[in-house]
Amino acid sequence: MSIIFRLDRMMADRKMPLNELARRIGITDANLSILKTGKAKAVRLSTLDAICRELDCQPGDLFEHVPGPQDPD
């Protein structure tokens, strides 16, 4: 199982540059870049709320579930 964070696609759709979104939601460019590239292990709900507010989207617009191989018993 894998969860993909589609922040990059949503930002492109909204024509929102990384540095502008980072400034608006109050996190560093570097931390937003980690989220955007899918390298983050977790996302704070307050950060997710701010991203959704600024990009005018729902959390489900930002995440995608990609099924993977089943874990062995």
PDB file of N, CA and C in Angstrom:
ATOM      1  N   MET A   1       0.851  -1.179   0.000  1.00  0.00           N
ATOM      2  CA  MET A   1       0.000   0.000   0.000  1.00  0.00           C
ATOM      3  C   MET A   1       0.890   1.233   0.000  1.00  0.00           C
ATOM      4  N   SER A   2       0.475   2.238  -0.749  1.00  0.00           N
ATOM      5  CA  SER A   2       1.236   3.472  -0.813  1.00  0.00           C
ATOM      6  C   SER A   2       0.276   4.650  -0.952  1.00  0.00           C
ATOM      7  N   ILE A   3       0.561   5.693  -0.218  1.00  0.00           N
ATOM      8  CA  ILE A   3      -0.206   6.932  -0.315  1.00  0.00           C
ATOM      9  C   ILE A   3       0.675   7.956  -1.018  1.00  0.00           C
ATOM     10  N   ILE A   4       0.167   8.525  -2.091  1.00  0.00           N
ATOM     11  CA  ILE A   4       0.900   9.527  -2.857  1.00  0.00           C
ATOM     12  C   ILE A   4       0.311  10.900  -2.542  1.00  0.00           C
ATOM     13  N   PHE A   5       1.182  11.849  -2.218  1.00  0.00           N
ATOM     14  CA  PHE A   5       0.759  13.221  -1.939  1.00  0.00           C
ATOM     15  C   PHE A   5       0.894  14.001  -3.234  1.00  0.00           C
ATOM     16  N   ARG A   6      -0.203  14.466  -3.783  1.00  0.00           N
ATOM     17  CA  ARG A   6      -0.246  15.126  -5.090  1.00  0.00           C
ATOM     18  C   ARG A   6      -0.209  16.651  -4.996  1.00  0.00           C
ATOM     19  N   LEU A   7       0.567  17.162  -4.056  1.00  0.00           N
ATOM     20  CA  LEU A   7       0.677  18.610  -3.887  1.00  0.00           C
ATOM     21  C   LEU A   7       1.241  19.262  -5.147  1.00  0.00           C
ATOM     22  N   ASP A   8       2.217  18.627  -5.787  1.00  0.00           N
ATOM     23  CA  ASP A   8       2.822  19.210  -6.976  1.00  0.00           C
ATOM     24  C   ASP A   8       1.794  19.438  -8.079  1.00  0.00           C
ATOM     25  N   ARG A   9       0.910  18.484  -8.279  1.00  0.00           N
ATOM     26  CA  ARG A   9      -0.120  18.600  -9.310  1.00  0.00           C
ATOM     27  C   ARG A   9      -1.112  19.720  -8.966  1.00  0.00           C
ATOM     28  N   MET A  10      -1.514  19.780  -7.699  1.00  0.00           N
ATOM     29  CA  MET A  10      -2.477  20.809  -7.284  1.00  0.00           C
ATOM     30  C   MET A  10      -1.871  22.213  -7.406  1.00  0.00           C
ATOM     31  N   MET A  11      -0.603  22.345  -7.048  1.00  0.00           N
ATOM     32  CA  MET A  11       0.070  23.638  -7.178  1.00  0.00           C
ATOM     33  C   MET A  11       0.168  24.049  -8.646  1.00  0.00           C
ATOM     34  N   ALA A  12       0.463  23.103  -9.520  1.00  0.00           N
ATOM     35  CA  ALA A  12       0.548  23.400 -10.954  1.00  0.00           C
ATOM     36  C   ALA A  12      -0.814  23.815 -11.493  1.00  0.00           C
ATOM     37  N   ASP A  13      -1.859  23.098 -11.082  1.00  0.00           N
ATOM     38  CA  ASP A  13      -3.213  23.440 -11.524  1.00  0.00           C
ATOM     39  C   ASP A  13      -3.603  24.852 -11.106  1.00  0.00           C
ATOM     40  N   ARG A  14      -3.146  25.254  -9.929  1.00  0.00           N
ATOM     41  CA  ARG A  14      -3.496  26.580  -9.391  1.00  0.00           C
ATOM     42  C   ARG A  14      -2.466  27.648  -9.771  1.00  0.00           C
ATOM     43  N   LYS A  15      -1.411  27.238 -10.493  1.00  0.00           N
ATOM     44  CA  LYS A  15      -0.319  28.151 -10.869  1.00  0.00           C
ATOM     45  C   LYS A  15       0.253  28.863  -9.644  1.00  0.00           C
ATOM     46  N   MET A  16       0.466  28.081  -8.586  1.00  0.00           N
ATOM     47  CA  MET A  16       0.974  28.610  -7.325  1.00  0.00           C
ATOM     48  C   MET A  16       2.431  28.158  -7.150  1.00  0.00           C
ATOM     49  N   PRO A  17       3.372  29.093  -7.169  1.00  0.00           N
ATOM     50  CA  PRO A  17       4.770  28.709  -6.957  1.00  0.00           C
ATOM     51  C   PRO A  17       5.018  28.265  -5.518  1.00  0.00           C
ATOM     52  N   LEU A  18       6.008  27.417  -5.345  1.00  0.00           N
ATOM     53  CA  LEU A  18       6.312  26.854  -4.038  1.00  0.00           C
ATOM     54  C   LEU A  18       6.574  27.936  -3.000  1.00  0.00           C
ATOM     55  N   ASN A  19       7.393  28.923  -3.346  1.00  0.00           N
ATOM     56  CA  ASN A  19       7.732  29.948  -2.352  1.00  0.00           C
ATOM     57  C   ASN A  19       6.519  30.774  -1.935  1.00  0.00           C
ATOM     58  N   GLU A  20       5.593  30.999  -2.854  1.00  0.00           N
ATOM     59  CA  GLU A  20       4.375  31.749  -2.507  1.00  0.00           C
ATOM     60  C   GLU A  20       3.481  30.940  -1.564  1.00  0.00           C
ATOM     61  N   LEU A  21       3.277  29.659  -1.867  1.00  0.00           N
ATOM     62  CA  LEU A  21       2.456  28.817  -0.998  1.00  0.00           C
ATOM     63  C   LEU A  21       3.104  28.681   0.376  1.00  0.00           C
ATOM     64  N   ALA A  22       4.406  28.477   0.411  1.00  0.00           N
ATOM     65  CA  ALA A  22       5.118  28.361   1.693  1.00  0.00           C
ATOM     66  C   ALA A  22       4.907  29.617   2.536  1.00  0.00           C
ATOM     67  N   ARG A  23       5.032  30.778   1.910  1.00  0.00           N
ATOM     68  CA  ARG A  23       4.835  32.039   2.642  1.00  0.00           C
ATOM     69  C   ARG A  23       3.414  32.140   3.176  1.00  0.00           C
ATOM     70  N   ARG A  24       2.437  31.782   2.345  1.00  0.00           N
ATOM     71  CA  ARG A  24       1.034  31.897   2.749  1.00  0.00           C
ATOM     72  C   ARG A  24       0.657  30.955   3.882  1.00  0.00           C
ATOM     73  N   ILE A  25       1.250  29.754   3.921  1.00  0.00           N
ATOM     74  CA  ILE A  25       0.872  28.797   4.966  1.00  0.00           C
ATOM     75  C   ILE A  25       1.817  28.826   6.160  1.00  0.00           C
ATOM     76  N   GLY A  26       2.890  29.600   6.056  1.00  0.00           N
ATOM     77  CA  GLY A  26       3.769  29.809   7.203  1.00  0.00           C
ATOM     78  C   GLY A  26       4.756  28.687   7.479  1.00  0.00           C
ATOM     79  N   ILE A  27       5.263  28.038   6.416  1.00  0.00           N
ATOM     80  CA  ILE A  27       6.339  27.062   6.601  1.00  0.00           C
ATOM     81  C   ILE A  27       7.475  27.421   5.659  1.00  0.00           C
ATOM     82  N   THR A  28       8.630  26.819   5.880  1.00  0.00           N
ATOM     83  CA  THR A  28       9.780  27.136   5.042  1.00  0.00           C
ATOM     84  C   THR A  28       9.634  26.511   3.662  1.00  0.00           C
ATOM     85  N   ASP A  29      10.325  27.106   2.706  1.00  0.00           N
ATOM     86  CA  ASP A  29      10.356  26.536   1.353  1.00  0.00           C
ATOM     87  C   ASP A  29      10.875  25.105   1.389  1.00  0.00           C
ATOM     88  N   ALA A  30      11.892  24.864   2.222  1.00  0.00           N
ATOM     89  CA  ALA A  30      12.490  23.527   2.303  1.00  0.00           C
ATOM     90  C   ALA A  30      11.485  22.495   2.812  1.00  0.00           C
ATOM     91  N   ASN A  31      10.715  22.835   3.839  1.00  0.00           N
ATOM     92  CA  ASN A  31       9.727  21.891   4.367  1.00  0.00           C
ATOM     93  C   ASN A  31       8.599  21.647   3.371  1.00  0.00           C
ATOM     94  N   LEU A  32       8.179  22.685   2.670  1.00  0.00           N
ATOM     95  CA  LEU A  32       7.145  22.497   1.658  1.00  0.00           C
ATOM     96  C   LEU A  32       7.677  21.656   0.502  1.00  0.00           C
ATOM     97  N   SER A  33       8.938  21.831   0.161  1.00  0.00           N
ATOM     98  CA  SER A  33       9.548  21.035  -0.892  1.00  0.00           C
ATOM     99  C   SER A  33       9.561  19.550  -0.526  1.00  0.00           C
ATOM    100  N   ILE A  34       9.816  19.241   0.731  1.00  0.00           N
ATOM    101  CA  ILE A  34       9.792  17.845   1.200  1.00  0.00           C
ATOM    102  C   ILE A  34       8.396  17.261   1.008  1.00  0.00           C
ATOM    103  N   LEU A  35       7.373  18.037   1.321  1.00  0.00           N
ATOM    104  CA  LEU A  35       6.001  17.575   1.097  1.00  0.00           C
ATOM    105  C   LEU A  35       5.724  17.396  -0.388  1.00  0.00           C
ATOM    106  N   LYS A  36       6.129  18.377  -1.173  1.00  0.00           N
ATOM    107  CA  LYS A  36       5.839  18.378  -2.601  1.00  0.00           C
ATOM    108  C   LYS A  36       6.487  17.191  -3.317  1.00  0.00           C
ATOM    109  N   THR A  37       7.686  16.829  -2.910  1.00  0.00           N
ATOM    110  CA  THR A  37       8.402  15.732  -3.572  1.00  0.00           C
ATOM    111  C   THR A  37       8.022  14.363  -3.037  1.00  0.00           C
ATOM    112  N   GLY A  38       7.150  14.324  -2.028  1.00  0.00           N
ATOM    113  CA  GLY A  38       6.704  13.041  -1.498  1.00  0.00           C
ATOM    114  C   GLY A  38       7.667  12.384  -0.540  1.00  0.00           C
ATOM    115  N   LYS A  39       8.626  13.130  -0.028  1.00  0.00           N
ATOM    116  CA  LYS A  39       9.621  12.565   0.886  1.00  0.00           C
ATOM    117  C   LYS A  39       9.202  12.638   2.353  1.00  0.00           C
ATOM    118  N   ALA A  40       8.090  13.316   2.635  1.00  0.00           N
ATOM    119  CA  ALA A  40       7.615  13.452   4.014  1.00  0.00           C
ATOM    120  C   ALA A  40       6.986  12.150   4.496  1.00  0.00           C
ATOM    121  N   LYS A  41       7.174  11.851   5.756  1.00  0.00           N
ATOM    122  CA  LYS A  41       6.565  10.670   6.379  1.00  0.00           C
ATOM    123  C   LYS A  41       5.220  10.993   7.010  1.00  0.00           C
ATOM    124  N   ALA A  42       4.964  12.285   7.243  1.00  0.00           N
ATOM    125  CA  ALA A  42       3.722  12.699   7.892  1.00  0.00           C
ATOM    126  C   ALA A  42       3.419  14.144   7.505  1.00  0.00           C
ATOM    127  N   VAL A  43       2.156  14.523   7.674  1.00  0.00           N
ATOM    128  CA  VAL A  43       1.720  15.900   7.423  1.00  0.00           C
ATOM    129  C   VAL A  43       0.874  16.320   8.610  1.00  0.00           C
ATOM    130  N   ARG A  44       1.207  17.431   9.219  1.00  0.00           N
ATOM    131  CA  ARG A  44       0.394  17.949  10.319  1.00  0.00           C
ATOM    132  C   ARG A  44      -0.966  18.374   9.779  1.00  0.00           C
ATOM    133  N   LEU A  45      -1.996  18.119  10.571  1.00  0.00           N
ATOM    134  CA  LEU A  45      -3.338  18.516  10.143  1.00  0.00           C
ATOM    135  C   LEU A  45      -3.447  20.030   9.979  1.00  0.00           C
ATOM    136  N   SER A  46      -2.743  20.784  10.797  1.00  0.00           N
ATOM    137  CA  SER A  46      -2.782  22.244  10.657  1.00  0.00           C
ATOM    138  C   SER A  46      -2.139  22.679   9.336  1.00  0.00           C
ATOM    139  N   THR A  47      -1.090  21.978   8.910  1.00  0.00           N
ATOM    140  CA  THR A  47      -0.459  22.273   7.621  1.00  0.00           C
ATOM    141  C   THR A  47      -1.380  21.880   6.484  1.00  0.00           C
ATOM    142  N   LEU A  48      -2.003  20.708   6.593  1.00  0.00           N
ATOM    143  CA  LEU A  48      -2.950  20.256   5.576  1.00  0.00           C
ATOM    144  C   LEU A  48      -4.116  21.239   5.464  1.00  0.00           C
ATOM    145  N   ASP A  49      -4.613  21.699   6.590  1.00  0.00           N
ATOM    146  CA  ASP A  49      -5.705  22.673   6.606  1.00  0.00           C
ATOM    147  C   ASP A  49      -5.286  23.950   5.881  1.00  0.00           C
ATOM    148  N   ALA A  50      -4.090  24.439   6.153  1.00  0.00           N
ATOM    149  CA  ALA A  50      -3.606  25.666   5.522  1.00  0.00           C
ATOM    150  C   ALA A  50      -3.414  25.477   4.020  1.00  0.00           C
ATOM    151  N   ILE A  51      -2.892  24.327   3.607  1.00  0.00           N
ATOM    152  CA  ILE A  51      -2.714  24.049   2.183  1.00  0.00           C
ATOM    153  C   ILE A  51      -4.069  24.034   1.485  1.00  0.00           C
ATOM    154  N   CYS A  52      -5.031  23.340   2.069  1.00  0.00           N
ATOM    155  CA  CYS A  52      -6.373  23.271   1.473  1.00  0.00           C
ATOM    156  C   CYS A  52      -7.017  24.647   1.392  1.00  0.00           C
ATOM    157  N   ARG A  53      -6.817  25.454   2.415  1.00  0.00           N
ATOM    158  CA  ARG A  53      -7.369  26.814   2.419  1.00  0.00           C
ATOM    159  C   ARG A  53      -6.765  27.634   1.278  1.00  0.00           C
ATOM    160  N   GLU A  54      -5.455  27.595   1.127  1.00  0.00           N
ATOM    161  CA  GLU A  54      -4.781  28.426   0.127  1.00  0.00           C
ATOM    162  C   GLU A  54      -4.971  27.919  -1.296  1.00  0.00           C
ATOM    163  N   LEU A  55      -5.104  26.609  -1.477  1.00  0.00           N
ATOM    164  CA  LEU A  55      -5.284  26.049  -2.821  1.00  0.00           C
ATOM    165  C   LEU A  55      -6.754  25.808  -3.152  1.00  0.00           C
ATOM    166  N   ASP A  56      -7.629  26.139  -2.206  1.00  0.00           N
ATOM    167  CA  ASP A  56      -9.076  25.965  -2.386  1.00  0.00           C
ATOM    168  C   ASP A  56      -9.385  24.538  -2.855  1.00  0.00           C
ATOM    169  N   CYS A  57      -8.989  23.573  -2.020  1.00  0.00           N
ATOM    170  CA  CYS A  57      -9.206  22.170  -2.361  1.00  0.00           C
ATOM    171  C   CYS A  57      -9.577  21.384  -1.109  1.00  0.00           C
ATOM    172  N   GLN A  58      -9.891  20.135  -1.297  1.00  0.00           N
ATOM    173  CA  GLN A  58     -10.193  19.213  -0.211  1.00  0.00           C
ATOM    174  C   GLN A  58      -8.997  18.296   0.012  1.00  0.00           C
ATOM    175  N   PRO A  59      -8.823  17.747   1.222  1.00  0.00           N
ATOM    176  CA  PRO A  59      -7.705  16.823   1.459  1.00  0.00           C
ATOM    177  C   PRO A  59      -7.665  15.675   0.448  1.00  0.00           C
ATOM    178  N   GLY A  60      -8.827  15.176   0.051  1.00  0.00           N
ATOM    179  CA  GLY A  60      -8.871  14.084  -0.913  1.00  0.00           C
ATOM    180  C   GLY A  60      -8.335  14.468  -2.282  1.00  0.00           C
ATOM    181  N   ASP A  61      -8.279  15.766  -2.580  1.00  0.00           N
ATOM    182  CA  ASP A  61      -7.697  16.223  -3.840  1.00  0.00           C
ATOM    183  C   ASP A  61      -6.175  16.098  -3.828  1.00  0.00           C
ATOM    184  N   LEU A  62      -5.606  16.012  -2.632  1.00  0.00           N
ATOM    185  CA  LEU A  62      -4.157  16.011  -2.485  1.00  0.00           C
ATOM    186  C   LEU A  62      -3.545  14.624  -2.314  1.00  0.00           C
ATOM    187  N   PHE A  63      -4.367  13.631  -2.006  1.00  0.00           N
ATOM    188  CA  PHE A  63      -3.851  12.293  -1.729  1.00  0.00           C
ATOM    189  C   PHE A  63      -4.404  11.270  -2.697  1.00  0.00           C
ATOM    190  N   GLU A  64      -3.569  10.286  -3.014  1.00  0.00           N
ATOM    191  CA  GLU A  64      -3.990   9.183  -3.868  1.00  0.00           C
ATOM    192  C   GLU A  64      -3.472   7.885  -3.261  1.00  0.00           C
ATOM    193  N   HIS A  65      -4.321   6.885  -3.218  1.00  0.00           N
ATOM    194  CA  HIS A  65      -3.930   5.569  -2.721  1.00  0.00           C
ATOM    195  C   HIS A  65      -3.575   4.685  -3.908  1.00  0.00           C
ATOM    196  N   VAL A  66      -2.377   4.125  -3.876  1.00  0.00           N
ATOM    197  CA  VAL A  66      -1.928   3.217  -4.923  1.00  0.00           C
ATOM    198  C   VAL A  66      -1.705   1.851  -4.281  1.00  0.00           C
ATOM    199  N   PRO A  67      -2.549   0.865  -4.630  1.00  0.00           N
ATOM    200  CA  PRO A  67      -2.383  -0.455  -4.017  1.00  0.00           C
ATOM    201  C   PRO A  67      -1.029  -1.064  -4.373  1.00  0.00           C
ATOM    202  N   GLY A  68      -0.466  -1.745  -3.398  1.00  0.00           N
ATOM    203  CA  GLY A  68       0.810  -2.422  -3.598  1.00  0.00           C
ATOM    204  C   GLY A  68       0.663  -3.892  -3.294  1.00  0.00           C
ATOM    205  N   PRO A  69       1.751  -4.616  -3.370  1.00  0.00           N
ATOM    206  CA  PRO A  69       1.679  -6.053  -3.069  1.00  0.00           C
ATOM    207  C   PRO A  69       1.251  -6.275  -1.625  1.00  0.00           C
ATOM    208  N   GLN A  70       0.527  -7.349  -1.419  1.00  0.00           N
ATOM    209  CA  GLN A  70       0.047  -7.696  -0.071  1.00  0.00           C
ATOM    210  C   GLN A  70       1.240  -8.096   0.809  1.00  0.00           C
ATOM    211  N   ASP A  71       1.139  -7.742   2.083  1.00  0.00           N
ATOM    212  CA  ASP A  71       2.161  -8.173   3.029  1.00  0.00           C
ATOM    213  C   ASP A  71       2.042  -9.678   3.232  1.00  0.00           C
ATOM    214  N   PRO A  72       3.165 -10.367   3.366  1.00  0.00           N
ATOM    215  CA  PRO A  72       3.100 -11.810   3.610  1.00  0.00           C
ATOM    216  C   PRO A  72       2.505 -12.106   4.988  1.00  0.00           C
ATOM    217  N   ASP A  73       1.855 -13.239   5.105  1.00  0.00           N
ATOM    218  CA  ASP A  73       1.254 -13.630   6.395  1.00  0.00           C
ATOM    219  C   ASP A  73       2.285 -13.963   7.429  1.00  0.00           C
TER     220      ASP A  73
END
